[in-house]
Protein backbone atom coordinates (compact mmCIF):
# COMPACT_ATOMS: atom_id res chain seq x y z
CA MET A 1 84.51 10.44 34.44
CA THR A 2 87.08 12.95 35.68
CA GLY A 3 86.74 16.67 36.20
CA GLN A 4 88.44 19.36 34.15
CA LYS A 5 88.41 23.11 34.75
CA ILE A 6 88.23 25.42 31.72
CA LEU A 7 89.87 28.78 32.45
CA VAL A 8 90.06 32.13 30.69
CA PRO A 9 93.21 32.04 28.53
CA ASP A 10 95.94 34.67 28.27
CA MET A 11 94.35 37.80 26.75
CA GLY A 12 97.50 39.91 26.58
CA ASP A 13 97.11 43.39 28.07
CA PHE A 14 93.32 43.18 28.31
CA LYS A 15 91.80 43.10 31.82
CA ASN A 16 88.24 43.00 33.14
CA VAL A 17 86.84 42.00 29.74
CA GLU A 18 83.04 41.72 29.63
CA ILE A 19 81.23 38.50 28.70
CA ILE A 20 78.55 39.35 26.14
CA GLU A 21 77.43 35.82 25.24
CA VAL A 22 77.41 32.36 26.84
CA LEU A 23 77.28 29.92 23.93
CA VAL A 24 76.82 26.60 25.78
CA GLU A 25 74.52 25.02 28.37
CA GLU A 26 74.97 22.77 31.38
CA GLY A 27 74.64 19.10 30.40
CA GLN A 28 75.81 19.77 26.85
CA ARG A 29 78.56 17.63 25.32
CA ILE A 30 81.25 19.73 23.69
CA LYS A 31 84.36 19.03 21.65
CA LYS A 32 87.78 20.56 21.84
CA ASN A 33 87.87 24.05 20.22
CA ASP A 34 84.07 24.50 20.50
CA SER A 35 83.26 28.12 21.39
CA LEU A 36 82.19 28.62 25.02
CA ILE A 37 81.78 32.35 25.59
CA THR A 38 82.20 35.63 23.70
CA LEU A 39 84.27 38.41 25.23
CA GLU A 40 84.07 42.05 24.16
CA SER A 41 86.58 44.80 24.74
CA ASP A 42 86.51 48.36 23.46
CA LYS A 43 88.29 47.27 20.29
CA SER A 44 87.10 43.78 19.43
CA SER A 45 85.03 40.73 20.36
CA VAL A 46 86.49 37.22 20.56
CA GLU A 47 85.15 33.75 21.26
CA VAL A 48 86.91 31.58 23.84
CA PRO A 49 87.24 27.93 22.73
CA SER A 50 87.29 24.84 24.93
CA THR A 51 90.65 23.20 25.57
CA HIS A 52 89.06 19.79 26.26
CA GLU A 53 86.05 17.72 25.30
CA GLY A 54 83.39 16.30 27.58
CA ILE A 55 80.09 17.12 29.25
CA ILE A 56 79.53 20.52 30.90
CA GLU A 57 78.91 20.00 34.61
CA LYS A 58 78.60 23.62 35.76
CA ILE A 59 78.90 27.04 34.11
CA ASN A 60 80.49 29.54 36.49
CA VAL A 61 79.98 32.75 34.50
CA LYS A 62 77.08 34.70 33.03
CA VAL A 63 76.47 37.49 30.56
CA GLY A 64 77.70 40.79 31.96
CA ASP A 65 80.48 39.33 34.12
CA LYS A 66 83.97 40.78 33.68
CA VAL A 67 86.81 38.26 33.64
CA ASN A 68 90.60 38.10 33.57
CA GLN A 69 93.18 35.48 32.66
CA GLY A 70 92.84 32.37 34.83
CA ASP A 71 89.20 32.93 35.88
CA LEU A 72 87.06 29.79 35.90
CA ILE A 73 84.62 29.54 32.98
CA LEU A 74 83.12 26.09 33.58
CA ASN A 75 83.66 22.63 35.03
CA LEU A 76 83.82 19.82 32.50
CA LYS A 77 83.38 16.09 32.96
CA THR A 78 85.92 14.45 30.69
CA ASP A 79 85.12 10.93 29.51
CA LYS A 80 88.05 8.69 30.48
CA ILE A 81 86.63 5.80 28.47
CA SER A 82 86.58 7.93 25.32
CA LYS A 83 90.28 8.61 25.77
CA GLU A 84 91.05 4.88 26.00
CA ILE A 85 89.07 4.23 22.83
CA LYS A 86 91.07 6.89 20.99
CA LYS A 87 94.36 5.39 22.20
CA ILE A 88 93.42 1.93 20.97
CA GLN A 89 92.05 3.30 17.68
CA ASN A 90 95.21 5.36 17.11
CA ASN A 91 97.29 2.19 17.55
CA GLU A 92 95.09 0.53 14.91
CA PRO A 93 94.81 -2.87 16.73
CA GLU A 94 94.75 -5.81 14.43
CA ASN A 95 94.32 -8.64 16.93
CA LYS A 96 90.93 -9.79 18.09
CA ILE A 97 91.67 -9.04 21.74
CA ALA A 98 92.05 -5.32 21.08
CA LYS A 99 88.92 -5.24 18.91
CA ASN A 100 86.93 -6.99 21.64
CA ILE A 101 88.19 -4.44 24.17
CA ILE A 102 86.82 -1.65 21.98
CA LYS A 103 83.44 -3.38 21.68
CA ASP A 104 83.26 -3.93 25.45
CA ILE A 105 84.16 -0.30 26.12
CA GLU A 106 81.55 0.96 23.67
CA LYS A 107 78.90 -1.27 25.26
CA THR A 108 79.62 0.10 28.73
CA LYS A 109 80.12 3.70 27.62
CA ILE A 110 77.88 6.14 29.48
CA ALA A 111 75.46 7.87 27.13
CA ALA A 112 75.76 11.62 27.00
CA PRO A 113 72.58 13.69 27.14
CA VAL A 114 71.15 14.56 23.75
CA VAL A 115 71.38 18.26 23.02
CA HIS A 116 69.00 19.43 20.32
CA LYS A 117 70.36 21.76 17.69
CA SER A 118 67.81 24.39 18.64
CA SER A 119 69.22 24.56 22.19
CA ILE A 120 72.75 25.36 21.03
CA THR A 121 73.36 29.06 20.50
CA GLU A 122 74.66 29.75 17.05
CA THR A 123 77.47 32.29 17.03
CA LYS A 124 77.20 35.24 14.71
CA SER A 125 79.76 37.71 13.44
CA ALA A 126 79.13 41.31 14.51
CA SER A 127 81.16 44.31 15.57
CA PRO A 128 81.34 45.30 19.26
CA LYS A 129 79.23 48.37 18.47
CA VAL A 130 76.47 46.25 16.89
CA ARG A 131 76.55 43.74 19.75
CA LYS A 132 76.20 46.55 22.28
CA PHE A 133 73.33 48.06 20.26
CA ALA A 134 71.52 44.70 20.19
CA ARG A 135 71.96 44.21 23.94
CA GLU A 136 70.56 47.69 24.66
CA LEU A 137 67.42 46.71 22.72
CA GLY A 138 67.17 43.41 24.58
CA ALA A 139 68.00 41.24 21.54
CA ASN A 140 70.35 38.27 21.24
CA VAL A 141 72.65 38.91 18.29
CA SER A 142 72.91 35.14 17.72
CA ALA A 143 69.22 35.03 16.77
CA ILE A 144 69.48 37.86 14.23
CA PRO A 145 69.92 36.95 10.52
CA GLY A 146 72.95 38.76 9.11
CA SER A 147 72.72 40.43 5.70
CA GLN A 148 76.41 41.30 5.35
CA ARG A 149 79.22 39.17 3.97
CA ALA A 150 79.52 35.73 5.59
CA GLY A 151 76.33 36.41 7.57
CA ARG A 152 77.77 39.33 9.53
CA VAL A 153 75.10 41.21 11.49
CA SER A 154 74.76 44.96 10.89
CA GLU A 155 72.95 47.65 12.93
CA GLU A 156 70.18 47.71 10.31
CA ASP A 157 69.75 43.93 10.74
CA VAL A 158 69.19 44.50 14.47
CA LYS A 159 66.56 47.18 13.78
CA ASN A 160 64.75 44.95 11.25
CA TYR A 161 64.78 42.05 13.70
CA ILE A 162 63.23 44.16 16.49
CA ARG A 163 60.53 45.41 14.09
CA SER A 164 59.73 41.87 12.96
CA GLN A 165 59.40 40.65 16.54
CA VAL A 166 56.93 43.41 17.37
CA THR A 167 54.89 42.72 14.22
CA VAL A 168 54.84 38.94 14.59
CA ASN A 169 54.08 38.94 18.29
CA GLY A 170 51.57 41.79 18.17
CA GLY A 171 53.83 43.95 20.31
CA LYS A 172 54.26 41.33 23.01
CA VAL A 173 57.69 40.07 23.96
CA GLN A 174 57.17 36.33 24.36
CA LYS A 175 60.64 35.50 25.63
CA LYS A 176 62.43 37.56 28.22
CA ILE A 177 65.91 37.89 26.78
CA GLN A 178 67.56 39.93 29.48
CA GLU A 179 66.79 39.73 33.19
CA GLU A 180 67.67 42.10 35.98
CA GLU A 181 70.94 41.14 37.63
CA TYR A 182 69.45 41.60 41.09
CA PRO A 183 65.76 41.14 41.99
CA HIS A 184 63.93 44.18 43.33
CA GLU A 185 63.27 42.54 46.69
CA ASP A 186 67.02 42.44 47.38
CA PHE A 187 66.84 46.17 48.10
CA GLY A 188 63.73 46.36 50.27
CA ASN A 189 60.04 45.54 50.54
CA ILE A 190 58.00 45.40 47.34
CA GLU A 191 54.38 44.78 46.35
CA LEU A 192 53.19 42.94 43.23
CA LYS A 193 49.96 43.97 41.51
CA GLU A 194 48.26 42.96 38.29
CA ILE A 195 48.51 45.36 35.34
CA PRO A 196 45.01 46.81 34.72
CA ARG A 197 43.24 45.18 31.79
CA VAL A 198 42.95 48.42 29.80
CA LYS A 199 46.70 49.01 30.09
CA LYS A 200 47.40 45.43 29.06
CA LEU A 201 45.35 45.98 25.92
CA SER A 202 46.89 49.35 25.08
CA GLY A 203 50.49 48.32 25.80
CA PRO A 204 51.12 46.37 22.57
CA GLN A 205 49.56 49.20 20.55
CA LEU A 206 51.95 51.72 22.11
CA VAL A 207 54.95 49.46 21.47
CA ARG A 208 53.87 49.05 17.86
CA SER A 209 53.48 52.81 17.46
CA TRP A 210 56.81 53.77 19.00
CA THR A 211 58.71 51.01 17.15
CA GLU A 212 57.19 51.27 13.68
CA ILE A 213 56.41 55.00 13.32
CA PRO A 214 59.20 57.59 12.98
CA HIS A 215 57.85 60.20 15.40
CA VAL A 216 58.53 63.93 15.16
CA THR A 217 57.13 66.23 17.86
CA GLN A 218 56.79 69.99 17.46
CA HIS A 219 55.93 72.34 20.33
CA ASP A 220 54.14 75.65 19.99
CA GLU A 221 52.19 78.21 22.01
CA ILE A 222 48.78 79.61 21.03
CA ASP A 223 47.25 82.84 22.29
CA ILE A 224 43.68 81.89 23.27
CA THR A 225 42.80 85.07 25.19
CA GLU A 226 39.75 86.03 23.06
CA MET A 227 38.56 82.44 22.87
CA GLU A 228 38.62 82.11 26.66
CA GLN A 229 36.79 85.41 27.09
CA PHE A 230 34.10 84.23 24.71
CA ARG A 231 33.89 80.80 26.37
CA SER A 232 33.43 82.26 29.85
CA SER A 233 30.71 84.65 28.58
CA LEU A 234 28.44 81.97 27.09
CA TYR A 235 24.92 81.84 28.53
CA ASP A 236 21.52 80.47 27.60
CA TYR A 237 19.47 83.20 25.85
CA TYR A 238 16.14 82.02 27.32
CA SER A 239 17.07 80.96 30.88
CA GLY A 240 20.00 83.30 31.40
CA GLU A 241 22.07 80.45 32.84
CA ILE A 242 25.78 80.25 32.12
CA VAL A 243 26.62 77.60 29.53
CA LYS A 244 29.76 75.64 30.41
CA VAL A 245 31.70 74.37 27.42
CA THR A 246 35.09 72.74 27.89
CA PRO A 247 38.08 74.20 25.99
CA LEU A 248 38.47 70.74 24.43
CA ALA A 249 35.30 71.35 22.41
CA PHE A 250 36.86 74.47 20.85
CA ILE A 251 40.12 72.62 20.19
CA THR A 252 38.20 69.76 18.54
CA LYS A 253 36.39 72.18 16.26
CA ALA A 254 39.67 73.89 15.36
CA LEU A 255 41.31 70.52 14.68
CA VAL A 256 38.57 69.59 12.21
CA SER A 257 39.19 72.84 10.34
CA ALA A 258 42.94 72.11 10.25
CA LEU A 259 42.36 68.56 8.97
CA LYS A 260 40.32 69.94 6.08
CA LYS A 261 43.15 72.27 5.12
CA PHE A 262 45.93 69.66 5.65
CA PRO A 263 44.56 66.29 4.44
CA ASN A 264 47.87 64.48 5.09
CA PHE A 265 47.00 64.62 8.79
CA ASN A 266 43.68 62.86 8.15
CA ALA A 267 45.29 59.82 6.57
CA SER A 268 46.73 56.36 7.16
CA ILE A 269 49.49 54.39 5.48
CA ASP A 270 48.63 51.11 3.73
CA THR A 271 51.95 49.28 4.09
CA ASN A 272 50.74 46.28 2.08
CA GLN A 273 50.01 48.33 -1.04
CA ASN A 274 52.51 51.09 -0.19
CA LYS A 275 49.81 53.75 -0.57
CA ILE A 276 48.24 56.55 1.49
CA ILE A 277 44.60 56.30 2.55
CA TYR A 278 42.92 59.73 2.70
CA LYS A 279 39.82 59.81 4.90
CA LYS A 280 36.81 61.86 3.90
CA TYR A 281 35.30 61.70 7.38
CA PHE A 282 36.27 63.56 10.55
CA HIS A 283 36.14 61.29 13.60
CA ILE A 284 38.21 62.89 16.37
CA GLY A 285 39.66 60.72 19.13
CA PHE A 286 40.29 62.09 22.61
CA ALA A 287 42.07 60.55 25.58
CA VAL A 288 39.86 59.84 28.60
CA ASP A 289 41.47 59.28 32.01
CA THR A 290 39.46 56.57 33.80
CA PRO A 291 40.03 54.48 36.96
CA HIS A 292 40.59 51.53 34.62
CA GLY A 293 43.27 53.23 32.53
CA LEU A 294 43.50 55.57 29.55
CA MET A 295 40.87 55.13 26.82
CA VAL A 296 40.69 56.83 23.42
CA PRO A 297 37.11 56.86 22.03
CA LYS A 298 36.03 58.83 18.94
CA ILE A 299 33.61 61.69 18.39
CA ARG A 300 31.98 60.72 15.09
CA ASP A 301 31.37 63.33 12.35
CA ALA A 302 32.67 66.19 14.46
CA ASP A 303 32.59 68.39 11.35
CA GLN A 304 28.78 68.27 11.42
CA MET A 305 28.51 69.50 15.03
CA ASN A 306 28.68 72.96 16.58
CA ILE A 307 30.82 73.61 19.64
CA LYS A 308 27.99 73.01 22.12
CA GLU A 309 27.13 69.66 20.50
CA ILE A 310 30.77 68.61 20.59
CA GLY A 311 30.93 69.52 24.30
CA GLU A 312 27.88 67.38 25.03
CA ALA A 313 29.30 64.47 23.01
CA LEU A 314 32.59 64.67 24.94
CA LYS A 315 30.74 64.48 28.29
CA LYS A 316 28.52 61.59 27.19
CA THR A 317 31.38 59.54 25.71
CA SER A 318 33.63 60.13 28.74
CA LYS A 319 30.86 58.91 31.05
CA LEU A 320 30.42 55.72 28.99
CA CYS A 321 34.16 55.05 29.20
CA ARG A 322 34.30 55.47 32.98
CA GLU A 323 31.32 53.13 33.39
CA LEU A 324 32.81 50.62 30.89
CA LYS A 325 29.63 50.81 28.82
CA ILE A 326 31.17 52.04 25.58
CA ASP A 327 31.20 49.85 22.46
CA LYS A 328 34.62 48.47 21.52
CA LYS A 329 34.18 49.70 17.93
CA GLU A 330 34.22 53.31 19.19
CA PHE A 331 37.96 53.02 19.83
CA PHE A 332 38.69 52.48 16.14
CA GLY A 333 38.33 54.39 12.87
CA GLY A 334 39.65 57.78 13.94
CA SER A 335 41.02 60.71 11.96
CA MET A 336 43.31 62.17 14.61
CA THR A 337 43.56 62.13 18.41
CA ILE A 338 43.73 64.87 21.05
CA SER A 339 45.52 64.12 24.32
CA SER A 340 44.73 66.91 26.77
CA LEU A 341 46.49 67.27 30.13
CA GLY A 342 45.05 70.74 30.70
CA GLY A 343 42.85 69.62 33.55
CA ILE A 344 45.84 68.18 35.42
CA GLY A 345 48.81 70.40 34.66
CA GLY A 346 52.05 70.56 32.72
CA THR A 347 53.01 72.27 29.50
CA PHE A 348 54.79 70.28 26.79
CA PHE A 349 55.14 66.51 26.39
CA THR A 350 55.62 63.90 23.64
CA PRO A 351 52.29 62.22 22.82
CA ILE A 352 52.55 58.83 21.07
CA ILE A 353 50.62 58.44 17.81
CA ASN A 354 47.61 56.14 17.93
CA PRO A 355 48.01 53.91 14.82
CA PRO A 356 46.75 53.64 12.15
CA GLU A 357 46.43 57.41 12.55
CA VAL A 358 49.45 59.50 11.55
CA ALA A 359 49.26 62.38 14.04
CA ILE A 360 48.24 63.30 17.57
CA LEU A 361 47.79 66.68 19.27
CA GLY A 362 48.98 67.07 22.85
CA VAL A 363 47.45 69.93 24.87
CA GLY A 364 48.93 71.27 28.11
CA LYS A 365 47.52 73.56 30.81
CA SER A 366 47.01 77.16 29.71
CA PHE A 367 48.80 79.90 31.63
CA ASP A 368 48.95 83.71 31.82
CA ARG A 369 51.80 85.68 30.31
CA LEU A 370 52.59 89.38 30.21
CA VAL A 371 53.01 90.51 26.59
CA LYS A 372 54.04 93.93 25.33
CA ILE A 373 51.52 95.20 22.75
CA LYS A 374 51.89 98.72 21.34
CA ASN A 375 54.22 99.78 24.15
CA LYS A 376 51.76 98.51 26.77
CA PHE A 377 51.90 95.32 28.81
CA ALA A 378 48.85 93.07 28.75
CA SER A 379 48.06 89.70 30.29
CA ARG A 380 47.39 87.03 27.66
CA LYS A 381 46.17 83.46 28.03
CA ILE A 382 48.64 81.01 26.40
CA LEU A 383 47.91 77.39 25.44
CA PRO A 384 50.93 75.07 25.01
CA ILE A 385 50.56 72.37 22.36
CA SER A 386 52.69 69.40 21.28
CA LEU A 387 52.08 67.93 17.83
CA SER A 388 53.49 64.46 17.05
CA TYR A 389 53.29 63.17 13.50
CA ASP A 390 54.47 60.35 11.23
CA HIS A 391 57.53 61.69 9.41
CA ARG A 392 57.01 59.24 6.54
CA ILE A 393 54.20 61.36 5.08
CA ILE A 394 54.37 64.64 7.05
CA ASP A 395 57.50 66.78 7.00
CA GLY A 396 58.59 69.50 9.39
CA ALA A 397 57.43 72.40 7.21
CA GLU A 398 53.92 70.99 6.94
CA GLY A 399 53.89 70.31 10.68
CA ALA A 400 54.84 73.91 11.37
CA ARG A 401 52.16 75.24 9.01
CA PHE A 402 49.60 72.99 10.72
CA CYS A 403 50.49 74.49 14.12
CA VAL A 404 50.30 78.05 12.78
CA TYR A 405 46.88 77.44 11.23
CA LEU A 406 45.63 75.79 14.43
CA GLY A 407 46.78 78.91 16.30
CA GLU A 408 44.79 81.08 13.93
CA CYS A 409 41.69 78.94 14.48
CA LEU A 410 41.97 79.41 18.24
CA GLY A 411 43.28 83.00 18.11
CA LYS A 412 41.52 86.34 18.11
CA ASP A 413 39.59 85.58 14.89
CA PHE A 414 38.56 82.09 16.02
CA ALA A 415 34.84 82.80 15.58
CA PHE A 416 35.30 83.30 11.83
CA LYS A 417 37.54 80.27 11.44
CA LEU A 418 35.34 77.90 13.41
CA ALA A 419 32.03 79.11 11.98
CA VAL A 420 30.17 78.44 15.22
């Protein structure tokens, strides 16, 4: 066998054109005009064909490289024996000597490695914009079924493919499509640690939520001055001791009241039957920060508890989570979840919905603000909230009304709304 270099052909005025696909593998036998790589400029994408046939010895480029005319693509082993066979066959030998030569050549011909069809990348038609979109999502456009004419891949095809991968694989990416160009250790010392088990379990759920649910997040501020005054004044009537109740207990009670008024928030979507499931129970989930990772247990039948009972249930359930003694079933079957960062800090954020729920309430750290009331300035306690919801069944107007009502439940007339 002899060597043959395959170079980037004349591309006209284009320079530093990016390689977006490598369509062959080392050890693969290719024919003349077989596509080798796909180049993409700002205006178009083209496939570069091979000028010779043979077996690929070494590929000298990779996805992401930028090339110009004359750059080396790959080294090819051309089969000299195959050329001799073609010459004899083209001359159509009629004598026995020539026929015997062909038989002898074919007997001594070196067998090329077998390349399975599944290992050859099938090229797909797609615009540069769609190819870029697929790469940004970590998908290979060649693996995506095209719904357009002649199998052309559209942006919607890419989205559907990503969704199907998440659903089929349970949120786990089984094949790493795109790797970092340079390993982290090239830039300094690093340390590798195992991902905590709780985070491994919650990861696929978060991917599923963010990929499948069209999130909308609304931010609002609630004046909780009177509620905080009441909370800090609680004491036991018989012992005279101060009763400590977390603000989360008040928020939970207010959330139950809001769910009763806005049943779309206490629902789930049945995608198989294309129907909405309305829940008649009120099991409120709340995020618990533990040394093992974030956990989201439920407070069952919160509508049947007063604020003190909810506070005690929150303490008990949090303790079980931190000690890893909580039943697995307690993480399922919720109405809606509260993610409170008030004990740490921060104001607004974007909480991710915990499916199959359709909404989640994010709570920040309350702060003081000077407000002008009747020509006088007064200090008021403000609670920042962030409400994320599934836009498939909850629209912006309903989300806004939900926030307003929640503010009323925690505002100056909270005692009447919460019926403590």
